[in-house]
Amino acid sequence: MTGPAAPPLPPELDTLVRRMRLPYLRKAAPDVLATARAQRWEPGEVLRVLLAEEVTGRDAATRRMRRKTAGFPSGKTFSSWRAEESSIPEATQNALATLEWIGRAENLVIAGPSGTGKSHLVEALAHAAIEKDLRVAWFTLETLTAAIGRAKADGSVARTVTRICRADLIVVDDIGMLPAGQDAAEAFYRITDAAYERRSVAVTSNIHPSGFDSIMPKTLATATVDRLLHHAHLVLTKGDSHRLAEALAGKGVIPLAT
C-alpha cells in the first residue's frame, strides 16, 4: 500500500515557483516538504534537496534535447554492444569509452567491412558523450552534403559550419558506401577543416581513408584526410557481417503465416 499523497504546495508558493520557472522543484516539493516535516530537516537541507531536484531535472531535459537534436539513426548504446564479438581489441574499446579523446579534440576513424559494428560502436560512444553533457551532431555524408547545400543556396555556409562545429563530437557515418561527388567532398572538407584541432570528428567507412581519393575528387580527399588523420585514432575492423550472420542463424524476421 502507498501512503497518503503529500499535500500540494500553498497557492502563493506554487505561483512563485512557476514564475521562477522551476518545474522540477515544483514537482518534487510536496513530497520533499512532507518528508522534511516528518524527519525535522534543517532549513538548509530542505533547500539543498529542492535545488538538487531542479538541477537533476534540468540536466536530464538537456540530455533528452541533445539526443533528439543529434539525430541518431537507431538508438544503439553500449547496453546492446557485444564487446567480446568485436574484432576491435578490448583495450582499444575501453580507451575510446573513456571519451578522453573528445576532450583532447582528437578524431576517430573506424574502417572495415560492412556489418562489423562500426556504426554501432560510434553511436554508443556518441550516446555516452551526451550522458557526459557533451554535444553531438550525427550525419551521413549525404545528409551533411544536403545541409551544406542548403546553406550555399542562401549564403549561410559559414554560419552553418560554425553551428555544426559547436558540437563536441561530429559524426560522419558510412563513407564509401556510394561515390561522393564534388559537393559531398567539399562538405566533408569544410567540416573537417573547421573542426581541426578544435572539435572531434568520428568517421565510419567501409574503405580505408587512404582510399578516399577513389570515391571523391583527389585534391579534396587528400586535404581532408590530412586533417582528419593528423590527430586521430585509426581503428580497423575485420570479419563477416554480424547482420548477415544473425540472419543466417534464423534471428531475422519471423515469417508471416500463410
C-alpha atoms as a PDB file:
ATOM      1  CA  MET A   1       0.000   0.000   0.000  1.00  0.00           C
ATOM      2  CA  THR A   2       1.098   3.514  -0.668  1.00  0.00           C
ATOM      3  CA  GLY A   3       0.839   6.275   1.876  1.00  0.00           C
ATOM      4  CA  PRO A   4      -1.385   9.308   1.564  1.00  0.00           C
ATOM      5  CA  ALA A   5      -0.433  11.823  -1.055  1.00  0.00           C
ATOM      6  CA  ALA A   6       1.621  14.777   0.147  1.00  0.00           C
ATOM      7  CA  PRO A   7      -0.388  17.996   0.395  1.00  0.00           C
ATOM      8  CA  PRO A   8       0.037  20.318  -2.584  1.00  0.00           C
ATOM      9  CA  LEU A   9       2.069  23.493  -2.372  1.00  0.00           C
ATOM     10  CA  PRO A  10       0.252  26.533  -0.997  1.00  0.00           C
ATOM     11  CA  PRO A  11      -1.098  28.609  -3.910  1.00  0.00           C
ATOM     12  CA  GLU A  12       1.236  31.536  -3.249  1.00  0.00           C
ATOM     13  CA  LEU A  13       4.330  29.298  -3.227  1.00  0.00           C
ATOM     14  CA  ASP A  14       3.114  27.425  -6.298  1.00  0.00           C
ATOM     15  CA  THR A  15       2.757  30.738  -8.133  1.00  0.00           C
ATOM     16  CA  LEU A  16       6.263  31.789  -7.143  1.00  0.00           C
ATOM     17  CA  VAL A  17       7.994  28.613  -8.363  1.00  0.00           C
ATOM     18  CA  ARG A  18       6.006  28.728 -11.597  1.00  0.00           C
ATOM     19  CA  ARG A  19       7.043  32.332 -12.143  1.00  0.00           C
ATOM     20  CA  MET A  20      10.670  31.456 -11.449  1.00  0.00           C
ATOM     21  CA  ARG A  21      10.383  28.578 -13.910  1.00  0.00           C
ATOM     22  CA  LEU A  22      11.397  25.812 -11.528  1.00  0.00           C
ATOM     23  CA  PRO A  23       9.237  22.930 -12.819  1.00  0.00           C
ATOM     24  CA  TYR A  24      11.263  20.074 -11.336  1.00  0.00           C
ATOM     25  CA  LEU A  25      11.489  21.737  -7.930  1.00  0.00           C
ATOM     26  CA  ARG A  26       7.755  22.372  -8.058  1.00  0.00           C
ATOM     27  CA  LYS A  27       7.011  18.727  -8.889  1.00  0.00           C
ATOM     28  CA  ALA A  28       9.227  17.389  -6.102  1.00  0.00           C
ATOM     29  CA  ALA A  29       8.341  19.989  -3.470  1.00  0.00           C
ATOM     30  CA  PRO A  30       5.203  18.393  -1.925  1.00  0.00           C
ATOM     31  CA  ASP A  31       6.970  15.102  -1.177  1.00  0.00           C
ATOM     32  CA  VAL A  32      10.201  16.782  -0.104  1.00  0.00           C
ATOM     33  CA  LEU A  33       8.417  19.159   2.241  1.00  0.00           C
ATOM     34  CA  ALA A  34       6.327  16.346   3.727  1.00  0.00           C
ATOM     35  CA  THR A  35       9.489  14.319   4.359  1.00  0.00           C
ATOM     36  CA  ALA A  36      11.232  17.359   5.796  1.00  0.00           C
ATOM     37  CA  ARG A  37       8.423  17.925   8.298  1.00  0.00           C
ATOM     38  CA  ALA A  38       8.309  14.261   9.316  1.00  0.00           C
ATOM     39  CA  GLN A  39      12.091  13.997   9.751  1.00  0.00           C
ATOM     40  CA  ARG A  40      12.625  17.523  11.069  1.00  0.00           C
ATOM     41  CA  TRP A  41      15.162  18.550   8.472  1.00  0.00           C
ATOM     42  CA  GLU A  42      17.161  21.725   8.874  1.00  0.00           C
ATOM     43  CA  PRO A  43      16.012  24.516   6.516  1.00  0.00           C
ATOM     44  CA  GLY A  44      19.310  24.371   4.658  1.00  0.00           C
ATOM     45  CA  GLU A  45      18.816  20.659   3.920  1.00  0.00           C
ATOM     46  CA  VAL A  46      15.345  21.324   2.530  1.00  0.00           C
ATOM     47  CA  LEU A  47      16.724  23.994   0.233  1.00  0.00           C
ATOM     48  CA  ARG A  48      19.593  21.752  -0.876  1.00  0.00           C
ATOM     49  CA  VAL A  49      17.314  18.847  -1.776  1.00  0.00           C
ATOM     50  CA  LEU A  50      14.851  21.047  -3.647  1.00  0.00           C
ATOM     51  CA  LEU A  51      17.568  22.754  -5.674  1.00  0.00           C
ATOM     52  CA  ALA A  52      19.199  19.385  -6.394  1.00  0.00           C
ATOM     53  CA  GLU A  53      15.865  18.139  -7.801  1.00  0.00           C
ATOM     54  CA  GLU A  54      15.737  21.142 -10.125  1.00  0.00           C
ATOM     55  CA  VAL A  55      19.305  20.675 -11.290  1.00  0.00           C
ATOM     56  CA  THR A  56      18.820  16.952 -11.876  1.00  0.00           C
ATOM     57  CA  GLY A  57      15.620  17.568 -13.828  1.00  0.00           C
ATOM     58  CA  ARG A  58      17.197  20.241 -15.987  1.00  0.00           C
ATOM     59  CA  ASP A  59      20.243  18.092 -16.722  1.00  0.00           C
ATOM     60  CA  ALA A  60      18.018  15.191 -17.811  1.00  0.00           C
ATOM     61  CA  ALA A  61      15.948  17.506 -20.017  1.00  0.00           C
ATOM     62  CA  THR A  62      19.110  18.883 -21.614  1.00  0.00           C
ATOM     63  CA  ARG A  63      20.336  15.380 -22.399  1.00  0.00           C
ATOM     64  CA  ARG A  64      16.979  14.453 -23.953  1.00  0.00           C
ATOM     65  CA  MET A  65      17.092  17.571 -26.109  1.00  0.00           C
ATOM     66  CA  ARG A  66      20.694  16.958 -27.174  1.00  0.00           C
ATOM     67  CA  ARG A  67      19.899  13.341 -28.027  1.00  0.00           C
ATOM     68  CA  LYS A  68      16.981  14.464 -30.182  1.00  0.00           C
ATOM     69  CA  THR A  69      18.988  17.250 -31.820  1.00  0.00           C
ATOM     70  CA  ALA A  70      21.892  14.915 -32.600  1.00  0.00           C
ATOM     71  CA  GLY A  71      19.737  12.891 -34.988  1.00  0.00           C
ATOM     72  CA  PHE A  72      20.961   9.417 -34.077  1.00  0.00           C
ATOM     73  CA  PRO A  73      19.955   6.760 -36.619  1.00  0.00           C
ATOM     74  CA  SER A  74      18.898   3.869 -34.389  1.00  0.00           C
ATOM     75  CA  GLY A  75      19.394   4.468 -30.666  1.00  0.00           C
ATOM     76  CA  LYS A  76      22.146   1.866 -30.277  1.00  0.00           C
ATOM     77  CA  THR A  77      24.032   2.210 -26.999  1.00  0.00           C
ATOM     78  CA  PHE A  78      26.563   0.190 -25.024  1.00  0.00           C
ATOM     79  CA  SER A  79      23.661  -1.745 -23.495  1.00  0.00           C
ATOM     80  CA  SER A  80      23.358  -3.705 -26.753  1.00  0.00           C
ATOM     81  CA  TRP A  81      27.047  -3.656 -27.699  1.00  0.00           C
ATOM     82  CA  ARG A  82      28.716  -7.080 -27.504  1.00  0.00           C
ATOM     83  CA  ALA A  83      32.333  -6.203 -26.868  1.00  0.00           C
ATOM     84  CA  GLU A  84      33.526  -9.794 -26.988  1.00  0.00           C
ATOM     85  CA  GLU A  85      32.192 -10.233 -30.541  1.00  0.00           C
ATOM     86  CA  SER A  86      34.015  -7.206 -31.924  1.00  0.00           C
ATOM     87  CA  SER A  87      37.311  -7.538 -33.782  1.00  0.00           C
ATOM     88  CA  ILE A  88      38.442  -4.305 -32.094  1.00  0.00           C
ATOM     89  CA  PRO A  89      40.834  -5.084 -29.207  1.00  0.00           C
ATOM     90  CA  GLU A  90      39.188  -4.765 -25.800  1.00  0.00           C
ATOM     91  CA  ALA A  91      41.858  -2.311 -24.645  1.00  0.00           C
ATOM     92  CA  THR A  92      41.015  -0.036 -27.578  1.00  0.00           C
ATOM     93  CA  GLN A  93      37.302  -0.245 -26.846  1.00  0.00           C
ATOM     94  CA  ASN A  94      37.896   0.661 -23.213  1.00  0.00           C
ATOM     95  CA  ALA A  95      40.163   3.574 -24.109  1.00  0.00           C
ATOM     96  CA  LEU A  96      37.599   5.001 -26.517  1.00  0.00           C
ATOM     97  CA  ALA A  97      34.810   4.566 -23.963  1.00  0.00           C
ATOM     98  CA  THR A  98      36.570   6.935 -21.565  1.00  0.00           C
ATOM     99  CA  LEU A  99      35.807   9.728 -24.075  1.00  0.00           C
ATOM    100  CA  GLU A 100      39.050  11.414 -23.070  1.00  0.00           C
ATOM    101  CA  TRP A 101      39.936  11.704 -26.770  1.00  0.00           C
ATOM    102  CA  ILE A 102      36.966  14.040 -27.237  1.00  0.00           C
ATOM    103  CA  GLY A 103      38.289  16.293 -24.506  1.00  0.00           C
ATOM    104  CA  ARG A 104      41.570  16.455 -26.429  1.00  0.00           C
ATOM    105  CA  ALA A 105      39.781  17.247 -29.736  1.00  0.00           C
ATOM    106  CA  GLU A 106      41.132  14.059 -31.304  1.00  0.00           C
ATOM    107  CA  ASN A 107      39.396  12.292 -34.162  1.00  0.00           C
ATOM    108  CA  LEU A 108      38.228   8.709 -34.562  1.00  0.00           C
ATOM    109  CA  VAL A 109      38.183   6.775 -37.823  1.00  0.00           C
ATOM    110  CA  ILE A 110      36.777   3.249 -37.873  1.00  0.00           C
ATOM    111  CA  ALA A 111      37.167   1.443 -41.194  1.00  0.00           C
ATOM    112  CA  GLY A 112      36.310  -2.078 -42.193  1.00  0.00           C
ATOM    113  CA  PRO A 113      33.805  -4.363 -43.901  1.00  0.00           C
ATOM    114  CA  SER A 114      30.086  -3.710 -43.703  1.00  0.00           C
ATOM    115  CA  GLY A 115      28.339  -5.196 -40.673  1.00  0.00           C
ATOM    116  CA  THR A 116      31.376  -5.320 -38.375  1.00  0.00           C
ATOM    117  CA  GLY A 117      29.967  -2.946 -35.761  1.00  0.00           C
ATOM    118  CA  LYS A 118      31.492   0.356 -36.853  1.00  0.00           C
ATOM    119  CA  SER A 119      28.349   2.479 -36.654  1.00  0.00           C
ATOM    120  CA  HIS A 120      27.104   0.699 -33.529  1.00  0.00           C
ATOM    121  CA  LEU A 121      30.276   1.485 -31.616  1.00  0.00           C
ATOM    122  CA  VAL A 122      30.367   5.109 -32.721  1.00  0.00           C
ATOM    123  CA  GLU A 123      26.700   5.614 -31.862  1.00  0.00           C
ATOM    124  CA  ALA A 124      27.242   4.027 -28.447  1.00  0.00           C
ATOM    125  CA  LEU A 125      30.165   6.401 -27.883  1.00  0.00           C
ATOM    126  CA  ALA A 126      28.011   9.326 -29.004  1.00  0.00           C
ATOM    127  CA  HIS A 127      25.227   8.417 -26.572  1.00  0.00           C
ATOM    128  CA  ALA A 128      27.816   8.117 -23.805  1.00  0.00           C
ATOM    129  CA  ALA A 129      29.131  11.566 -24.744  1.00  0.00           C
ATOM    130  CA  ILE A 130      25.678  13.069 -24.268  1.00  0.00           C
ATOM    131  CA  GLU A 131      25.441  11.411 -20.865  1.00  0.00           C
ATOM    132  CA  LYS A 132      28.688  13.249 -20.057  1.00  0.00           C
ATOM    133  CA  ASP A 133      26.960  16.525 -21.013  1.00  0.00           C
ATOM    134  CA  LEU A 134      28.716  16.820 -24.367  1.00  0.00           C
ATOM    135  CA  ARG A 135      27.030  17.841 -27.615  1.00  0.00           C
ATOM    136  CA  VAL A 136      26.884  15.567 -30.651  1.00  0.00           C
ATOM    137  CA  ALA A 137      25.976  16.112 -34.316  1.00  0.00           C
ATOM    138  CA  TRP A 138      25.321  12.996 -36.422  1.00  0.00           C
ATOM    139  CA  PHE A 139      25.415  12.944 -40.231  1.00  0.00           C
ATOM    140  CA  THR A 140      25.788  10.599 -43.106  1.00  0.00           C
ATOM    141  CA  LEU A 141      27.813  12.049 -45.970  1.00  0.00           C
ATOM    142  CA  GLU A 142      24.524  12.550 -47.832  1.00  0.00           C
ATOM    143  CA  THR A 143      22.800  14.484 -45.030  1.00  0.00           C
ATOM    144  CA  LEU A 144      25.934  16.576 -44.436  1.00  0.00           C
ATOM    145  CA  THR A 145      26.060  17.400 -48.150  1.00  0.00           C
ATOM    146  CA  ALA A 146      22.393  18.390 -48.084  1.00  0.00           C
ATOM    147  CA  ALA A 147      22.912  20.654 -45.054  1.00  0.00           C
ATOM    148  CA  ILE A 148      25.863  22.456 -46.661  1.00  0.00           C
ATOM    149  CA  GLY A 149      23.995  22.594 -49.982  1.00  0.00           C
ATOM    150  CA  ARG A 150      21.045  24.397 -48.387  1.00  0.00           C
ATOM    151  CA  ALA A 151      23.459  26.801 -46.750  1.00  0.00           C
ATOM    152  CA  LYS A 152      25.135  27.541 -50.084  1.00  0.00           C
ATOM    153  CA  ALA A 153      21.752  28.340 -51.583  1.00  0.00           C
ATOM    154  CA  ASP A 154      21.033  31.080 -49.034  1.00  0.00           C
ATOM    155  CA  GLY A 155      24.597  32.216 -48.437  1.00  0.00           C
ATOM    156  CA  SER A 156      24.871  30.882 -44.894  1.00  0.00           C
ATOM    157  CA  VAL A 157      27.667  28.336 -45.283  1.00  0.00           C
ATOM    158  CA  ALA A 158      29.939  29.939 -42.696  1.00  0.00           C
ATOM    159  CA  ARG A 159      27.120  30.158 -40.142  1.00  0.00           C
ATOM    160  CA  THR A 160      26.063  26.574 -40.795  1.00  0.00           C
ATOM    161  CA  VAL A 161      29.613  25.229 -40.418  1.00  0.00           C
ATOM    162  CA  THR A 162      30.034  27.234 -37.213  1.00  0.00           C
ATOM    163  CA  ARG A 163      26.759  25.862 -35.857  1.00  0.00           C
ATOM    164  CA  ILE A 164      27.740  22.262 -36.644  1.00  0.00           C
ATOM    165  CA  CYS A 165      31.143  22.771 -35.027  1.00  0.00           C
ATOM    166  CA  ARG A 166      29.536  23.834 -31.765  1.00  0.00           C
ATOM    167  CA  ALA A 167      29.129  20.101 -31.174  1.00  0.00           C
ATOM    168  CA  ASP A 168      31.919  18.463 -29.194  1.00  0.00           C
ATOM    169  CA  LEU A 169      31.662  15.359 -31.414  1.00  0.00           C
ATOM    170  CA  ILE A 170      30.720  15.439 -35.105  1.00  0.00           C
ATOM    171  CA  VAL A 171      29.970  12.062 -36.672  1.00  0.00           C
ATOM    172  CA  VAL A 172      30.005  11.327 -40.402  1.00  0.00           C
ATOM    173  CA  ASP A 173      28.739   7.780 -40.850  1.00  0.00           C
ATOM    174  CA  ASP A 174      29.146   5.241 -43.663  1.00  0.00           C
ATOM    175  CA  ILE A 175      31.546   7.000 -46.003  1.00  0.00           C
ATOM    176  CA  GLY A 176      32.365   4.874 -49.020  1.00  0.00           C
ATOM    177  CA  MET A 177      29.024   3.178 -49.474  1.00  0.00           C
ATOM    178  CA  LEU A 178      28.401   5.360 -52.543  1.00  0.00           C
ATOM    179  CA  PRO A 179      30.657   7.501 -54.735  1.00  0.00           C
ATOM    180  CA  ALA A 180      30.995  11.069 -53.470  1.00  0.00           C
ATOM    181  CA  GLY A 181      30.904  13.927 -55.948  1.00  0.00           C
ATOM    182  CA  GLN A 182      32.351  17.418 -55.717  1.00  0.00           C
ATOM    183  CA  ASP A 183      29.601  18.723 -53.421  1.00  0.00           C
ATOM    184  CA  ALA A 184      29.937  15.844 -50.944  1.00  0.00           C
ATOM    185  CA  ALA A 185      33.719  16.090 -50.895  1.00  0.00           C
ATOM    186  CA  GLU A 186      33.511  19.847 -50.349  1.00  0.00           C
ATOM    187  CA  ALA A 187      31.016  19.469 -47.485  1.00  0.00           C
ATOM    188  CA  PHE A 188      33.183  16.840 -45.793  1.00  0.00           C
ATOM    189  CA  TYR A 189      36.281  19.001 -46.197  1.00  0.00           C
ATOM    190  CA  ARG A 190      34.584  22.127 -44.796  1.00  0.00           C
ATOM    191  CA  ILE A 191      33.582  20.348 -41.588  1.00  0.00           C
ATOM    192  CA  THR A 192      36.886  18.520 -41.150  1.00  0.00           C
ATOM    193  CA  ASP A 193      38.827  21.727 -41.727  1.00  0.00           C
ATOM    194  CA  ALA A 194      36.667  23.830 -39.391  1.00  0.00           C
ATOM    195  CA  ALA A 195      36.811  21.186 -36.639  1.00  0.00           C
ATOM    196  CA  TYR A 196      40.565  20.626 -36.989  1.00  0.00           C
ATOM    197  CA  GLU A 197      42.221  20.767 -33.545  1.00  0.00           C
ATOM    198  CA  ARG A 198      39.035  22.303 -32.097  1.00  0.00           C
ATOM    199  CA  ARG A 199      36.428  19.539 -32.149  1.00  0.00           C
ATOM    200  CA  SER A 200      36.405  15.751 -32.534  1.00  0.00           C
ATOM    201  CA  VAL A 201      35.237  14.184 -35.790  1.00  0.00           C
ATOM    202  CA  ALA A 202      34.287  10.489 -35.856  1.00  0.00           C
ATOM    203  CA  VAL A 203      34.069   8.759 -39.218  1.00  0.00           C
ATOM    204  CA  THR A 204      32.971   5.265 -40.164  1.00  0.00           C
ATOM    205  CA  SER A 205      33.829   3.863 -43.567  1.00  0.00           C
ATOM    206  CA  ASN A 206      33.982   0.572 -45.380  1.00  0.00           C
ATOM    207  CA  ILE A 207      37.214   1.704 -47.045  1.00  0.00           C
ATOM    208  CA  HIS A 208      40.489   2.891 -45.515  1.00  0.00           C
ATOM    209  CA  PRO A 209      40.899   6.698 -45.523  1.00  0.00           C
ATOM    210  CA  SER A 210      43.887   6.267 -47.834  1.00  0.00           C
ATOM    211  CA  GLY A 211      41.355   5.168 -50.444  1.00  0.00           C
ATOM    212  CA  PHE A 212      39.027   8.157 -50.138  1.00  0.00           C
ATOM    213  CA  ASP A 213      40.501   9.556 -53.361  1.00  0.00           C
ATOM    214  CA  SER A 214      38.874   6.621 -55.142  1.00  0.00           C
ATOM    215  CA  ILE A 215      35.375   7.859 -54.253  1.00  0.00           C
ATOM    216  CA  MET A 216      35.844  11.659 -54.257  1.00  0.00           C
ATOM    217  CA  PRO A 217      37.968  14.251 -56.074  1.00  0.00           C
ATOM    218  CA  LYS A 218      41.630  13.617 -55.269  1.00  0.00           C
ATOM    219  CA  THR A 219      42.602  17.152 -54.214  1.00  0.00           C
ATOM    220  CA  LEU A 220      39.765  17.464 -51.684  1.00  0.00           C
ATOM    221  CA  ALA A 221      40.234  13.884 -50.495  1.00  0.00           C
ATOM    222  CA  THR A 222      43.940  14.452 -49.828  1.00  0.00           C
ATOM    223  CA  ALA A 223      43.360  17.707 -47.929  1.00  0.00           C
ATOM    224  CA  THR A 224      40.530  16.190 -45.892  1.00  0.00           C
ATOM    225  CA  VAL A 225      42.355  13.001 -44.939  1.00  0.00           C
ATOM    226  CA  ASP A 226      45.451  15.022 -43.997  1.00  0.00           C
ATOM    227  CA  ARG A 227      43.443  16.975 -41.414  1.00  0.00           C
ATOM    228  CA  LEU A 228      41.294  14.033 -40.365  1.00  0.00           C
ATOM    229  CA  LEU A 229      44.167  11.686 -39.547  1.00  0.00           C
ATOM    230  CA  HIS A 230      46.628  14.169 -38.045  1.00  0.00           C
ATOM    231  CA  HIS A 231      45.205  13.744 -34.517  1.00  0.00           C
ATOM    232  CA  ALA A 232      43.188  10.556 -34.991  1.00  0.00           C
ATOM    233  CA  HIS A 233      42.640   7.099 -33.585  1.00  0.00           C
ATOM    234  CA  LEU A 234      42.513   4.819 -36.631  1.00  0.00           C
ATOM    235  CA  VAL A 235      40.681   1.580 -35.845  1.00  0.00           C
ATOM    236  CA  LEU A 236      40.323  -1.217 -38.386  1.00  0.00           C
ATOM    237  CA  THR A 237      37.630  -3.877 -38.129  1.00  0.00           C
ATOM    238  CA  LYS A 238      37.555  -7.237 -39.824  1.00  0.00           C
ATOM    239  CA  GLY A 239      35.372 -10.301 -40.146  1.00  0.00           C
ATOM    240  CA  ASP A 240      31.980 -11.168 -41.557  1.00  0.00           C
ATOM    241  CA  SER A 241      28.832  -9.102 -41.211  1.00  0.00           C
ATOM    242  CA  HIS A 242      27.091  -9.538 -37.855  1.00  0.00           C
ATOM    243  CA  ARG A 243      23.775  -8.738 -39.542  1.00  0.00           C
ATOM    244  CA  LEU A 244      24.255 -11.474 -42.162  1.00  0.00           C
ATOM    245  CA  ALA A 245      25.349 -13.950 -39.502  1.00  0.00           C
ATOM    246  CA  GLU A 246      22.216 -13.269 -37.447  1.00  0.00           C
ATOM    247  CA  ALA A 247      20.003 -13.623 -40.497  1.00  0.00           C
ATOM    248  CA  LEU A 248      21.606 -16.935 -41.451  1.00  0.00           C
ATOM    249  CA  ALA A 249      21.179 -18.132 -37.857  1.00  0.00           C
ATOM    250  CA  GLY A 250      17.439 -17.537 -38.058  1.00  0.00           C
ATOM    251  CA  LYS A 251      17.469 -14.379 -35.929  1.00  0.00           C
ATOM    252  CA  GLY A 252      15.930 -12.183 -38.592  1.00  0.00           C
ATOM    253  CA  VAL A 253      12.230 -11.537 -39.037  1.00  0.00           C
ATOM    254  CA  ILE A 254       9.621 -14.162 -38.235  1.00  0.00           C
ATOM    255  CA  PRO A 255       7.916 -15.283 -41.460  1.00  0.00           C
ATOM    256  CA  LEU A 256       4.290 -14.259 -41.795  1.00  0.00           C
ATOM    257  CA  ALA A 257       1.752 -17.058 -41.549  1.00  0.00           C
ATOM    258  CA  THR A 258       0.161 -18.002 -44.845  1.00  0.00           C
END
